[in-house]
N, C-alpha and C. Protein backbone atom coordinates (compact mmCIF):
# COMPACT_ATOMS: atom_id res chain seq x y z
N MET A 1 -11.89 -27.40 8.22
CA MET A 1 -11.44 -26.49 7.14
C MET A 1 -10.24 -25.67 7.58
N LEU A 2 -10.28 -25.16 8.79
CA LEU A 2 -9.19 -24.19 9.22
C LEU A 2 -7.94 -24.94 9.34
N ALA A 3 -7.82 -26.14 9.60
CA ALA A 3 -6.63 -26.91 9.82
C ALA A 3 -5.96 -27.17 8.39
N ARG A 4 -6.75 -27.06 7.40
CA ARG A 4 -6.19 -27.37 6.20
C ARG A 4 -5.66 -26.01 5.25
N MET A 5 -5.79 -24.89 5.91
CA MET A 5 -5.54 -23.59 5.42
C MET A 5 -3.99 -23.48 5.29
N SER A 6 -3.52 -22.98 4.18
CA SER A 6 -2.10 -22.58 4.04
C SER A 6 -1.79 -21.44 4.87
N VAL A 7 -0.78 -21.65 5.80
CA VAL A 7 -0.35 -20.43 6.55
C VAL A 7 0.11 -19.25 5.64
N ALA A 8 0.91 -19.73 4.60
CA ALA A 8 1.53 -18.69 3.78
C ALA A 8 0.53 -17.95 2.97
N ALA A 9 -0.64 -18.62 2.51
CA ALA A 9 -1.73 -17.81 1.93
C ALA A 9 -2.45 -16.92 2.78
N VAL A 10 -2.58 -17.29 4.08
CA VAL A 10 -3.18 -16.40 5.10
C VAL A 10 -2.35 -15.31 5.25
N PHE A 11 -1.00 -15.45 5.45
CA PHE A 11 -0.05 -14.40 5.52
C PHE A 11 -0.18 -13.46 4.50
N LEU A 12 -0.20 -13.98 3.25
CA LEU A 12 -0.20 -13.09 2.12
C LEU A 12 -1.47 -12.22 2.11
N LEU A 13 -2.68 -12.87 2.49
CA LEU A 13 -3.90 -12.10 2.50
C LEU A 13 -3.83 -11.09 3.58
N VAL A 14 -3.33 -11.35 4.73
CA VAL A 14 -3.26 -10.34 5.85
C VAL A 14 -2.24 -9.18 5.48
N ALA A 15 -1.07 -9.53 5.01
CA ALA A 15 -0.03 -8.65 4.74
C ALA A 15 -0.53 -7.71 3.59
N PHE A 16 -1.03 -8.11 2.50
CA PHE A 16 -1.45 -7.19 1.55
C PHE A 16 -2.70 -6.53 1.83
N GLY A 17 -3.51 -7.23 2.73
CA GLY A 17 -4.73 -6.55 3.18
C GLY A 17 -4.39 -5.28 4.03
N ALA A 18 -3.33 -5.49 4.74
CA ALA A 18 -2.84 -4.36 5.61
C ALA A 18 -2.28 -3.30 4.70
N MET A 19 -1.59 -3.56 3.64
CA MET A 19 -1.18 -2.69 2.76
C MET A 19 -2.29 -1.91 2.03
N LEU A 20 -3.40 -2.56 1.69
CA LEU A 20 -4.61 -1.93 1.16
C LEU A 20 -5.17 -0.95 2.22
N VAL A 21 -5.30 -1.32 3.45
CA VAL A 21 -5.85 -0.41 4.38
C VAL A 21 -5.09 0.86 4.60
N VAL A 22 -3.72 0.66 4.59
CA VAL A 22 -2.79 1.86 4.83
C VAL A 22 -2.92 2.80 3.44
N SER A 23 -3.05 2.15 2.31
CA SER A 23 -3.23 2.98 1.10
C SER A 23 -4.62 3.69 1.12
N VAL A 24 -5.63 3.01 1.56
CA VAL A 24 -6.88 3.66 1.72
C VAL A 24 -6.81 4.86 2.71
N LEU A 25 -6.22 4.74 3.82
CA LEU A 25 -6.08 5.79 4.79
C LEU A 25 -5.23 6.95 4.20
N MET A 26 -4.19 6.54 3.48
CA MET A 26 -3.31 7.66 2.86
C MET A 26 -4.12 8.42 1.82
N GLY A 27 -5.02 7.68 1.08
CA GLY A 27 -5.83 8.27 0.09
C GLY A 27 -6.79 9.24 0.54
N LEU A 28 -7.48 8.81 1.68
CA LEU A 28 -8.48 9.58 2.54
C LEU A 28 -7.78 10.88 2.98
N THR A 29 -6.62 10.79 3.58
CA THR A 29 -5.89 11.97 3.90
C THR A 29 -5.63 13.00 2.81
N ALA A 30 -5.17 12.39 1.68
CA ALA A 30 -4.94 13.19 0.51
C ALA A 30 -6.27 13.83 0.05
N HIS A 31 -7.27 13.14 0.01
CA HIS A 31 -8.68 13.53 -0.47
C HIS A 31 -9.16 14.65 0.41
N ARG A 32 -8.95 14.69 1.69
CA ARG A 32 -9.32 15.69 2.62
C ARG A 32 -8.34 16.95 2.51
N GLY A 33 -7.25 16.78 1.83
CA GLY A 33 -6.27 17.85 1.80
C GLY A 33 -5.47 18.05 2.99
N GLN A 34 -5.18 16.94 3.70
CA GLN A 34 -4.57 17.08 4.96
C GLN A 34 -3.13 16.35 4.99
N VAL A 35 -2.43 16.24 3.77
CA VAL A 35 -1.17 15.55 3.74
C VAL A 35 -0.17 16.39 4.51
N CYS A 36 -0.28 17.83 4.31
CA CYS A 36 0.69 18.61 4.97
C CYS A 36 0.24 19.25 6.44
N THR A 37 -0.86 18.76 6.76
CA THR A 37 -1.37 19.23 8.25
C THR A 37 -0.52 18.47 9.28
N PRO A 38 0.06 19.35 10.15
CA PRO A 38 0.74 18.70 11.31
C PRO A 38 -0.32 17.88 12.17
N GLY A 39 0.06 16.77 12.59
CA GLY A 39 -0.81 15.93 13.44
C GLY A 39 -1.65 15.15 12.70
N ASP A 40 -2.41 15.57 11.64
CA ASP A 40 -3.25 14.61 10.79
C ASP A 40 -2.56 14.14 9.56
N GLY A 41 -1.60 14.89 9.07
CA GLY A 41 -0.95 14.49 7.79
C GLY A 41 0.42 13.69 7.97
N TYR A 42 1.31 14.04 7.18
CA TYR A 42 2.58 13.38 7.13
C TYR A 42 3.77 14.34 7.34
N ASP A 43 4.94 13.74 7.55
CA ASP A 43 6.12 14.60 7.71
C ASP A 43 6.63 15.03 6.26
N VAL A 44 6.33 16.29 5.99
CA VAL A 44 6.69 16.90 4.65
C VAL A 44 7.71 18.17 4.99
N PRO A 45 8.54 18.51 3.93
CA PRO A 45 9.34 19.67 4.10
C PRO A 45 8.53 20.82 4.40
N ASP A 46 9.21 21.88 5.13
CA ASP A 46 8.46 23.07 5.57
C ASP A 46 8.10 23.93 4.31
N ARG A 47 8.98 23.92 3.19
CA ARG A 47 8.55 24.81 2.17
C ARG A 47 7.28 24.16 1.38
N VAL A 48 7.09 23.02 1.53
CA VAL A 48 5.91 22.32 0.86
C VAL A 48 4.70 22.64 1.77
N ARG A 49 5.00 22.70 3.10
CA ARG A 49 3.74 22.99 4.02
C ARG A 49 3.34 24.40 3.88
N GLN A 50 4.33 25.29 3.54
CA GLN A 50 3.93 26.79 3.57
C GLN A 50 3.46 27.19 2.24
N ASP A 51 3.79 26.69 1.16
CA ASP A 51 3.38 27.14 -0.02
C ASP A 51 2.00 26.40 -0.57
N PRO A 52 0.95 27.27 -0.76
CA PRO A 52 -0.35 26.62 -1.17
C PRO A 52 -0.28 25.72 -2.41
N GLU A 53 0.52 26.13 -3.45
CA GLU A 53 0.60 25.47 -4.69
C GLU A 53 1.31 24.08 -4.41
N LEU A 54 2.32 24.12 -3.68
CA LEU A 54 3.00 22.84 -3.35
C LEU A 54 2.11 21.84 -2.53
N ARG A 55 1.33 22.53 -1.62
CA ARG A 55 0.42 21.67 -0.64
C ARG A 55 -0.58 20.97 -1.56
N ALA A 56 -1.12 21.68 -2.53
CA ALA A 56 -2.12 21.08 -3.50
C ALA A 56 -1.49 20.00 -4.24
N ARG A 57 -0.20 20.31 -4.82
CA ARG A 57 0.43 19.26 -5.54
C ARG A 57 0.72 17.99 -4.64
N ALA A 58 1.10 18.29 -3.48
CA ALA A 58 1.45 17.12 -2.53
C ALA A 58 0.14 16.28 -2.34
N ASN A 59 -0.94 16.91 -1.97
CA ASN A 59 -2.18 16.10 -1.94
C ASN A 59 -2.46 15.32 -3.20
N ASP A 60 -2.33 15.95 -4.36
CA ASP A 60 -2.63 15.24 -5.68
C ASP A 60 -1.77 14.06 -5.78
N GLU A 61 -0.39 14.32 -5.63
CA GLU A 61 0.56 13.14 -5.84
C GLU A 61 0.45 12.02 -4.75
N VAL A 62 0.17 12.45 -3.52
CA VAL A 62 -0.09 11.37 -2.49
C VAL A 62 -1.37 10.65 -2.81
N GLY A 63 -2.39 11.23 -3.22
CA GLY A 63 -3.70 10.57 -3.60
C GLY A 63 -3.42 9.67 -4.86
N ARG A 64 -2.73 10.02 -5.67
CA ARG A 64 -2.52 9.11 -6.91
C ARG A 64 -1.72 7.91 -6.46
N ALA A 65 -0.65 8.16 -5.66
CA ALA A 65 0.21 7.01 -5.27
C ALA A 65 -0.57 6.07 -4.32
N ALA A 66 -1.58 6.61 -3.51
CA ALA A 66 -2.30 5.79 -2.70
C ALA A 66 -3.26 4.84 -3.55
N VAL A 67 -4.03 5.41 -4.52
CA VAL A 67 -4.80 4.76 -5.33
C VAL A 67 -3.93 3.55 -6.13
N LEU A 68 -2.74 3.90 -6.62
CA LEU A 68 -1.95 2.96 -7.36
C LEU A 68 -1.47 1.88 -6.39
N ALA A 69 -1.06 2.25 -5.25
CA ALA A 69 -0.55 1.16 -4.34
C ALA A 69 -1.66 0.38 -3.85
N GLY A 70 -2.97 0.84 -3.58
CA GLY A 70 -4.05 0.19 -3.22
C GLY A 70 -4.50 -0.94 -4.35
N LEU A 71 -4.40 -0.42 -5.58
CA LEU A 71 -4.81 -1.38 -6.62
C LEU A 71 -3.75 -2.46 -6.83
N LEU A 72 -2.36 -2.10 -6.65
CA LEU A 72 -1.35 -3.13 -6.78
C LEU A 72 -1.41 -4.12 -5.59
N SER A 73 -1.87 -3.78 -4.52
CA SER A 73 -1.97 -4.69 -3.33
C SER A 73 -3.16 -5.76 -3.54
N LEU A 74 -4.04 -5.36 -4.44
CA LEU A 74 -5.20 -6.43 -4.65
C LEU A 74 -4.80 -7.66 -5.37
N ALA A 75 -3.82 -7.66 -6.28
CA ALA A 75 -3.53 -8.73 -7.02
C ALA A 75 -3.00 -10.04 -6.15
N PRO A 76 -2.06 -9.78 -5.17
CA PRO A 76 -1.70 -10.90 -4.33
C PRO A 76 -2.80 -11.38 -3.33
N MET A 77 -3.73 -10.37 -3.11
CA MET A 77 -4.90 -10.86 -2.26
C MET A 77 -5.91 -11.69 -2.98
N VAL A 78 -6.10 -11.40 -4.26
CA VAL A 78 -6.86 -12.39 -5.18
C VAL A 78 -6.20 -13.64 -5.16
N PHE A 79 -4.88 -13.75 -5.43
CA PHE A 79 -4.24 -15.00 -5.54
C PHE A 79 -4.25 -15.73 -4.24
N ALA A 80 -4.12 -15.17 -3.07
CA ALA A 80 -4.09 -15.81 -1.81
C ALA A 80 -5.56 -16.34 -1.49
N GLY A 81 -6.69 -15.50 -1.84
CA GLY A 81 -7.98 -15.91 -1.77
C GLY A 81 -8.24 -17.11 -2.53
N TRP A 82 -7.74 -17.12 -3.84
CA TRP A 82 -8.04 -18.30 -4.71
C TRP A 82 -7.40 -19.49 -4.08
N LEU A 83 -6.11 -19.37 -3.58
CA LEU A 83 -5.58 -20.56 -2.82
C LEU A 83 -6.43 -21.11 -1.77
N LEU A 84 -6.94 -20.23 -0.94
CA LEU A 84 -7.68 -20.54 0.19
C LEU A 84 -8.96 -21.14 -0.17
N LEU A 85 -9.50 -20.76 -1.18
CA LEU A 85 -10.97 -21.34 -1.51
C LEU A 85 -10.79 -22.58 -2.36
N ARG A 86 -9.64 -22.90 -2.87
CA ARG A 86 -9.42 -24.20 -3.60
C ARG A 86 -9.68 -25.32 -2.71
N PRO A 87 -10.31 -26.40 -3.15
CA PRO A 87 -10.34 -27.66 -2.32
C PRO A 87 -9.19 -28.35 -2.33
N GLY A 88 -8.90 -29.01 -1.23
CA GLY A 88 -7.69 -29.96 -1.03
C GLY A 88 -6.55 -29.16 -0.48
N ASP A 89 -5.44 -29.90 -0.34
CA ASP A 89 -4.23 -29.33 0.28
C ASP A 89 -3.52 -28.52 -0.77
N HIS A 90 -2.95 -27.57 -0.36
CA HIS A 90 -2.17 -26.68 -1.26
C HIS A 90 -1.10 -25.99 -0.49
N GLU A 91 -0.01 -25.83 -1.03
CA GLU A 91 1.15 -25.09 -0.40
C GLU A 91 1.72 -23.97 -1.19
N VAL A 92 2.26 -22.88 -0.83
CA VAL A 92 2.82 -21.91 -1.62
C VAL A 92 4.38 -22.16 -1.55
N SER A 93 4.89 -22.19 -2.71
CA SER A 93 6.30 -22.47 -2.92
C SER A 93 7.14 -21.29 -2.45
N THR A 94 8.43 -21.57 -2.05
CA THR A 94 9.33 -20.59 -1.76
C THR A 94 9.53 -19.42 -2.85
N GLY A 95 9.57 -19.83 -4.05
CA GLY A 95 9.70 -18.95 -5.16
C GLY A 95 8.49 -17.97 -5.18
N VAL A 96 7.33 -18.40 -5.07
CA VAL A 96 6.19 -17.54 -5.02
C VAL A 96 6.19 -16.59 -3.92
N LEU A 97 6.59 -17.07 -2.64
CA LEU A 97 6.76 -16.24 -1.48
C LEU A 97 7.77 -15.21 -1.72
N ALA A 98 8.98 -15.54 -2.39
CA ALA A 98 9.96 -14.61 -2.62
C ALA A 98 9.49 -13.56 -3.61
N ALA A 99 8.83 -13.99 -4.63
CA ALA A 99 8.23 -13.01 -5.59
C ALA A 99 7.12 -12.09 -4.98
N CYS A 100 6.36 -12.64 -4.09
CA CYS A 100 5.34 -11.85 -3.37
C CYS A 100 6.08 -10.76 -2.36
N ALA A 101 7.12 -11.26 -1.84
CA ALA A 101 8.01 -10.27 -0.93
C ALA A 101 8.55 -9.05 -1.85
N ALA A 102 9.09 -9.44 -2.92
CA ALA A 102 9.65 -8.38 -3.93
C ALA A 102 8.50 -7.53 -4.34
N TYR A 103 7.35 -8.09 -4.65
CA TYR A 103 6.26 -7.26 -5.09
C TYR A 103 5.72 -6.35 -4.03
N GLY A 104 5.59 -6.98 -2.79
CA GLY A 104 5.30 -6.07 -1.66
C GLY A 104 6.31 -4.90 -1.43
N LEU A 105 7.58 -5.16 -1.57
CA LEU A 105 8.49 -4.10 -1.58
C LEU A 105 8.22 -2.95 -2.61
N PHE A 106 7.83 -3.39 -3.82
CA PHE A 106 7.60 -2.58 -4.92
C PHE A 106 6.39 -1.69 -4.57
N VAL A 107 5.26 -2.29 -4.00
CA VAL A 107 4.15 -1.63 -3.58
C VAL A 107 4.45 -0.53 -2.51
N ALA A 108 5.28 -0.86 -1.57
CA ALA A 108 5.67 0.12 -0.58
C ALA A 108 6.46 1.30 -1.18
N VAL A 109 7.26 0.96 -2.17
CA VAL A 109 8.10 2.06 -2.76
C VAL A 109 7.12 2.90 -3.60
N VAL A 110 6.15 2.40 -4.26
CA VAL A 110 5.21 3.12 -4.86
C VAL A 110 4.42 4.18 -3.92
N GLY A 111 4.13 3.62 -2.76
CA GLY A 111 3.45 4.44 -1.82
C GLY A 111 4.33 5.53 -1.18
N ARG A 112 5.57 5.31 -1.13
CA ARG A 112 6.46 6.28 -0.48
C ARG A 112 7.08 7.15 -1.45
N LEU A 113 7.05 6.93 -2.83
CA LEU A 113 7.56 7.77 -3.81
C LEU A 113 7.26 9.23 -3.81
N PRO A 114 5.96 9.65 -3.53
CA PRO A 114 5.62 11.14 -3.52
C PRO A 114 6.32 11.83 -2.35
N PHE A 115 6.56 11.11 -1.26
CA PHE A 115 7.21 11.77 -0.14
C PHE A 115 8.73 12.03 -0.42
N GLU A 116 9.33 11.10 -1.14
CA GLU A 116 10.67 11.38 -1.58
C GLU A 116 10.83 12.34 -2.64
N ARG A 117 9.78 12.53 -3.48
CA ARG A 117 9.82 13.55 -4.59
C ARG A 117 9.71 14.97 -3.80
N MET A 118 8.90 15.01 -2.83
CA MET A 118 8.80 16.41 -2.22
C MET A 118 9.98 16.94 -1.61
N LYS A 119 10.89 16.21 -1.29
CA LYS A 119 12.20 16.68 -0.78
C LYS A 119 12.97 17.40 -1.86
N ARG A 120 12.57 17.22 -3.01
CA ARG A 120 13.31 17.90 -4.16
C ARG A 120 12.62 19.14 -4.67
N TRP A 121 11.37 19.30 -4.23
CA TRP A 121 10.56 20.59 -4.70
C TRP A 121 11.09 21.80 -4.17
């Protein structure tokens, strides 16, 4: 069975699984309120770190982005799992891989967006 697995489908499953794990960790950090904490959190501007209102807003926005990025990363994982569980030989076309690469970039941008917004607060 392992010899018949599509390498591309396994790659998609692992890559988007890693994105899901990163999103979950980002969400947990936001849920604990540690987005602005040095060492445990992320690199945020000093004015966000010092203002309690902006810290709370940063935690909320990072938490929302983490949930959204995590949910968005599930769709390709379902597709890759479906490919792997189908009987017989199957390959992933170059067009599907290109679409998944663009989709992965979109998911990464969604996860990064609150940090770019913080620079303008």
